[in-house]
Amino acid sequence: MCGRYAVTTDPALLAAEIDAEDETEGTALDVPGYNVAPTTNIVAVVARHSREQPDDAPTRRLRGMRWGLLPSWQKTLSGPPLFNARAESVAEKPAFRNAIKSKRCLIPMDGWYEWQVLEPDVKKPRKQPLYMTPRDGTRMYMAGLWSVWRPAGAGLDVPPVLSATVLTTDAVGPLREVHDRMPLVLTPDVFDEWLNPDGAADPLLLAPPALDVAERIEIRPVSTLVNAVANTGPELIERVEPGSEPGQLSLL
């Protein structure tokens, strides 16, 4: 699963990196950030046609979205945030089956966090936070879905809430030692096909990433400071040897 991540680049720079129009100006965002959590406002990449020239090819756009997908039929903002969706079943789940048809997105991340259980046989096991990030310092783009939501009975003059979810898949290679699930990492060669708003994506894009993709990801022990959502800053992604903090155990 993926319930916390880091993205430390300004949206304008992200837009240049992925050749997209930055449409986040004026949007209250919680990124860049080192401890991004569900229900906060994140950046997602979509591909849409121009309203003025609907027959033109779709272009990539960066948009601010709430992390936790809101199905269009949901009546209120309250309820468990749908911040993850299993790639294997999105086509069947009522909350996601419309979005998978034409509202697919990319969610940029420097890396994501998981917590590894150190004492599985005790009532309250201690956990070591781990940060998964590319070894070469590049960025990852995760497969996601998005939706447009308005309160029941609201007219088109009411600004919609855009929201998104991160797709997860079976963990691959060394990442299986951390968790049985991982975000669905997509490679640049399939970005256009995944984002295409005019048709369904090839089901093969929902398969787990190739082993070489997983092997390029570092599994880095980090500070327990990341446990609190209020904490943020570059110290959260710095390597901290297991057992070096008070109350921690070694992974060995």
Protein backbone atom coordinates (compact mmCIF):
# COMPACT_ATOMS: atom_id res chain seq x y z
CA MET A 1 0.00 0.00 0.00
CA CYS A 2 1.01 3.64 -0.07
CA GLY A 3 -0.22 5.93 2.70
CA ARG A 4 2.61 8.43 2.99
CA TYR A 5 5.13 9.81 0.51
CA ALA A 6 7.54 12.63 -0.33
CA VAL A 7 7.69 14.94 -3.33
CA THR A 8 10.08 17.84 -2.96
CA THR A 9 9.93 19.62 -6.31
CA ASP A 10 7.87 22.74 -7.00
CA PRO A 11 4.90 22.12 -9.36
CA ALA A 12 6.33 24.49 -11.97
CA LEU A 13 9.51 22.43 -12.15
CA LEU A 14 7.49 19.21 -12.25
CA ALA A 15 5.52 20.61 -15.19
CA ALA A 16 8.73 21.36 -17.07
CA GLU A 17 10.10 17.92 -16.25
CA ILE A 18 7.12 16.10 -17.70
CA ASP A 19 6.26 18.63 -20.45
CA ALA A 20 2.93 19.62 -18.94
CA GLU A 21 0.96 22.80 -18.40
CA ASP A 22 0.93 23.88 -14.75
CA GLU A 23 -2.70 24.48 -13.78
CA THR A 24 -2.07 24.52 -10.02
CA GLU A 25 -1.74 28.30 -9.66
CA GLY A 26 -4.20 29.56 -7.06
CA THR A 27 -4.70 26.07 -5.65
CA ALA A 28 -3.93 25.42 -1.97
CA LEU A 29 -1.38 22.59 -2.08
CA ASP A 30 0.33 20.53 0.61
CA VAL A 31 3.23 19.76 -1.71
CA PRO A 32 6.16 20.01 -2.04
CA GLY A 33 6.45 18.04 1.18
CA TYR A 34 8.41 15.31 2.91
CA ASN A 35 5.44 13.70 4.68
CA VAL A 36 2.44 13.86 2.35
CA ALA A 37 -0.63 12.12 3.81
CA PRO A 38 -4.16 11.21 2.69
CA THR A 39 -6.82 13.99 2.56
CA THR A 40 -4.13 16.60 1.83
CA ASN A 41 -3.91 18.44 -1.50
CA ILE A 42 -1.42 16.87 -3.89
CA VAL A 43 -0.32 17.32 -7.50
CA ALA A 44 -1.38 14.91 -10.23
CA VAL A 45 -0.68 14.78 -13.97
CA VAL A 46 -3.64 14.33 -16.33
CA ALA A 47 -4.13 14.56 -20.10
CA ARG A 48 -7.14 16.51 -21.34
CA HIS A 49 -8.43 18.07 -24.54
CA SER A 50 -8.65 21.83 -24.89
CA ARG A 51 -12.14 23.23 -24.33
CA GLU A 52 -11.56 25.68 -27.15
CA GLN A 53 -10.13 23.04 -29.54
CA PRO A 54 -11.69 19.72 -28.47
CA ASP A 55 -10.47 17.96 -31.61
CA ASP A 56 -6.84 18.70 -30.83
CA ALA A 57 -4.63 16.07 -29.23
CA PRO A 58 -4.85 15.94 -25.43
CA THR A 59 -2.11 17.73 -23.52
CA ARG A 60 -0.55 16.95 -20.17
CA ARG A 61 -1.65 19.17 -17.29
CA LEU A 62 -0.66 19.43 -13.62
CA ARG A 63 -3.65 19.82 -11.33
CA GLY A 64 -4.12 20.06 -7.59
CA MET A 65 -6.23 17.23 -6.16
CA ARG A 66 -7.36 15.92 -2.80
CA TRP A 67 -5.62 12.64 -1.98
CA GLY A 68 -8.50 10.25 -1.46
CA LEU A 69 -10.81 9.66 -4.41
CA LEU A 70 -14.40 10.88 -4.10
CA PRO A 71 -16.77 8.95 -6.40
CA SER A 72 -19.10 11.35 -8.20
CA TRP A 73 -22.13 9.70 -6.55
CA GLN A 74 -20.84 10.17 -2.98
CA LYS A 75 -23.07 12.62 -1.12
CA THR A 76 -20.58 14.30 1.24
CA LEU A 77 -16.86 14.77 1.75
CA SER A 78 -16.97 12.63 4.88
CA GLY A 79 -16.08 8.96 4.89
CA PRO A 80 -12.91 6.88 4.68
CA PRO A 81 -10.51 8.42 2.13
CA LEU A 82 -9.98 6.10 -0.84
CA PHE A 83 -6.28 6.92 -1.09
CA ASN A 84 -5.28 3.50 -2.54
CA ALA A 85 -6.95 1.22 -5.08
CA ARG A 86 -5.91 -2.31 -5.99
CA ALA A 87 -4.90 -2.37 -9.66
CA GLU A 88 -6.28 -5.88 -10.07
CA SER A 89 -9.86 -4.92 -9.24
CA VAL A 90 -10.40 -1.26 -10.21
CA ALA A 91 -12.48 -2.21 -13.26
CA GLU A 92 -15.01 -4.00 -11.03
CA LYS A 93 -15.16 -1.73 -7.98
CA PRO A 94 -18.04 0.81 -8.11
CA ALA A 95 -15.84 3.58 -6.70
CA PHE A 96 -13.23 3.23 -9.45
CA ARG A 97 -14.73 1.57 -12.53
CA ASN A 98 -15.72 4.84 -14.19
CA ALA A 99 -12.41 6.54 -13.47
CA ILE A 100 -10.34 3.71 -14.97
CA LYS A 101 -12.08 4.28 -18.32
CA SER A 102 -10.98 7.86 -18.94
CA LYS A 103 -9.70 9.56 -15.77
CA ARG A 104 -6.27 8.08 -15.25
CA CYS A 105 -3.44 10.16 -13.84
CA LEU A 106 0.17 10.08 -12.72
CA ILE A 107 1.19 11.01 -9.20
CA PRO A 108 4.83 12.16 -8.91
CA MET A 109 6.85 10.97 -5.92
CA ASP A 110 10.45 11.16 -4.80
CA GLY A 111 9.70 8.10 -2.70
CA TRP A 112 7.16 6.48 -0.41
CA TYR A 113 7.19 5.18 3.16
CA GLU A 114 6.35 1.82 4.67
CA TRP A 115 6.69 0.49 8.21
CA GLN A 116 8.43 -2.86 8.77
CA VAL A 117 7.33 -4.83 11.83
CA LEU A 118 10.35 -5.67 14.02
CA GLU A 119 8.66 -7.78 16.70
CA PRO A 120 5.82 -9.70 15.03
CA ASP A 121 5.12 -11.91 18.04
CA VAL A 122 4.36 -9.20 20.60
CA LYS A 123 1.07 -7.41 21.25
CA LYS A 124 2.36 -3.97 20.22
CA PRO A 125 5.24 -4.62 17.83
CA ARG A 126 7.74 -1.88 17.13
CA LYS A 127 8.01 -0.74 13.55
CA GLN A 128 10.91 0.63 11.52
CA PRO A 129 9.96 3.28 8.95
CA LEU A 130 11.52 2.69 5.55
CA TYR A 131 11.75 5.06 2.60
CA MET A 132 11.66 3.64 -0.93
CA THR A 133 13.33 5.95 -3.45
CA PRO A 134 15.25 5.60 -6.75
CA ARG A 135 18.94 4.97 -6.17
CA ASP A 136 19.89 7.50 -8.85
CA GLY A 137 17.89 10.36 -7.31
CA THR A 138 15.32 10.55 -10.09
CA ARG A 139 11.57 10.77 -9.59
CA MET A 140 8.88 8.11 -9.85
CA TYR A 141 5.44 8.51 -11.37
CA MET A 142 2.73 6.29 -9.92
CA ALA A 143 -0.41 5.18 -11.70
CA GLY A 144 -3.49 6.87 -10.28
CA LEU A 145 -7.16 7.56 -10.93
CA TRP A 146 -9.02 10.82 -10.42
CA SER A 147 -12.56 12.10 -10.21
CA VAL A 148 -14.65 15.26 -10.32
CA TRP A 149 -17.02 15.69 -7.35
CA ARG A 150 -19.66 18.25 -6.45
CA PRO A 151 -22.03 18.28 -3.47
CA ALA A 152 -25.46 16.79 -4.16
CA GLY A 153 -27.71 19.35 -5.82
CA ALA A 154 -24.89 21.80 -6.54
CA GLY A 155 -24.94 23.56 -9.90
CA LEU A 156 -22.11 23.81 -12.38
CA ASP A 157 -21.25 27.21 -10.93
CA VAL A 158 -19.98 25.46 -7.77
CA PRO A 159 -16.24 24.69 -8.14
CA PRO A 160 -15.71 20.92 -8.20
CA VAL A 161 -13.42 18.98 -5.91
CA LEU A 162 -10.81 17.04 -7.85
CA SER A 163 -9.54 13.99 -6.03
CA ALA A 164 -7.20 11.10 -6.75
CA THR A 165 -6.11 7.67 -5.59
CA VAL A 166 -2.84 5.78 -5.99
CA LEU A 167 -3.00 2.34 -7.59
CA THR A 168 -1.17 -0.45 -5.79
CA THR A 169 0.00 -3.84 -7.00
CA ASP A 170 1.87 -6.91 -5.77
CA ALA A 171 5.32 -5.99 -4.52
CA VAL A 172 8.20 -7.07 -6.75
CA GLY A 173 11.71 -8.32 -5.98
CA PRO A 174 13.36 -6.98 -2.81
CA LEU A 175 10.33 -4.78 -2.08
CA ARG A 176 8.42 -7.92 -1.06
CA GLU A 177 10.51 -8.00 2.11
CA VAL A 178 9.00 -4.66 3.12
CA HIS A 179 5.31 -5.12 2.27
CA ASP A 180 3.24 -7.38 0.04
CA ARG A 181 1.92 -4.33 -1.84
CA MET A 182 3.60 -1.37 -3.54
CA PRO A 183 2.51 1.64 -5.63
CA LEU A 184 2.20 0.87 -9.33
CA VAL A 185 5.29 2.56 -10.78
CA LEU A 186 4.95 3.48 -14.47
CA THR A 187 7.85 4.14 -16.81
CA PRO A 188 7.97 7.12 -19.23
CA ASP A 189 7.40 4.96 -22.31
CA VAL A 190 3.80 4.24 -21.21
CA PHE A 191 2.84 7.66 -19.81
CA ASP A 192 0.90 8.76 -22.91
CA GLU A 193 -1.01 5.51 -23.20
CA TRP A 194 -1.90 5.54 -19.51
CA LEU A 195 -3.05 9.17 -19.56
CA ASN A 196 -5.01 8.94 -22.83
CA PRO A 197 -8.53 10.21 -21.98
CA ASP A 198 -10.11 8.79 -25.14
CA GLY A 199 -10.09 5.09 -24.38
CA ALA A 200 -9.35 2.26 -22.02
CA ALA A 201 -5.77 1.52 -21.07
CA ASP A 202 -4.14 -1.76 -22.03
CA PRO A 203 -4.74 -4.17 -19.09
CA LEU A 204 -1.03 -4.97 -19.20
CA LEU A 205 -0.37 -1.52 -17.75
CA LEU A 206 -2.05 -2.70 -14.55
CA ALA A 207 0.48 -5.50 -14.08
CA PRO A 208 3.27 -5.22 -11.47
CA PRO A 209 6.37 -3.37 -12.68
CA ALA A 210 9.30 -5.29 -14.11
CA LEU A 211 11.90 -6.65 -11.71
CA ASP A 212 14.56 -4.22 -12.94
CA VAL A 213 12.29 -1.29 -11.98
CA ALA A 214 12.04 -2.60 -8.41
CA GLU A 215 15.75 -3.31 -8.18
CA ARG A 216 16.52 0.35 -8.96
CA ILE A 217 14.67 1.39 -5.80
CA GLU A 218 16.63 1.82 -2.57
CA ILE A 219 15.07 0.61 0.69
CA ARG A 220 16.31 3.18 3.21
CA PRO A 221 15.75 3.06 7.01
CA VAL A 222 14.68 6.51 8.22
CA SER A 223 13.81 8.28 11.44
CA THR A 224 10.66 7.57 13.45
CA LEU A 225 9.97 11.30 13.10
CA VAL A 226 8.00 10.37 9.98
CA ASN A 227 5.46 8.58 12.18
CA ALA A 228 3.84 11.94 13.00
CA VAL A 229 2.16 13.59 10.01
CA ALA A 230 2.91 17.03 11.48
CA ASN A 231 6.64 16.42 11.05
CA THR A 232 8.19 17.42 7.75
CA GLY A 233 11.61 18.36 6.44
CA PRO A 234 14.62 16.77 4.70
CA GLU A 235 15.67 14.95 7.87
CA LEU A 236 12.71 12.59 7.34
CA ILE A 237 14.30 11.01 4.25
CA GLU A 238 17.86 10.81 5.57
CA ARG A 239 19.26 7.36 6.32
CA VAL A 240 19.08 6.43 10.01
CA GLU A 241 20.65 3.15 10.98
CA PRO A 242 18.12 0.85 12.69
CA GLY A 243 18.62 0.81 16.45
CA SER A 244 20.33 4.21 16.54
CA GLU A 245 17.30 6.06 17.90
CA PRO A 246 16.06 5.67 21.51
CA GLY A 247 13.64 2.78 21.80
CA GLN A 248 14.46 1.30 18.40
CA LEU A 249 15.56 -2.23 17.64
CA SER A 250 18.02 -3.32 15.02
CA LEU A 251 16.65 -4.95 11.88
CA LEU A 252 19.36 -7.60 12.19
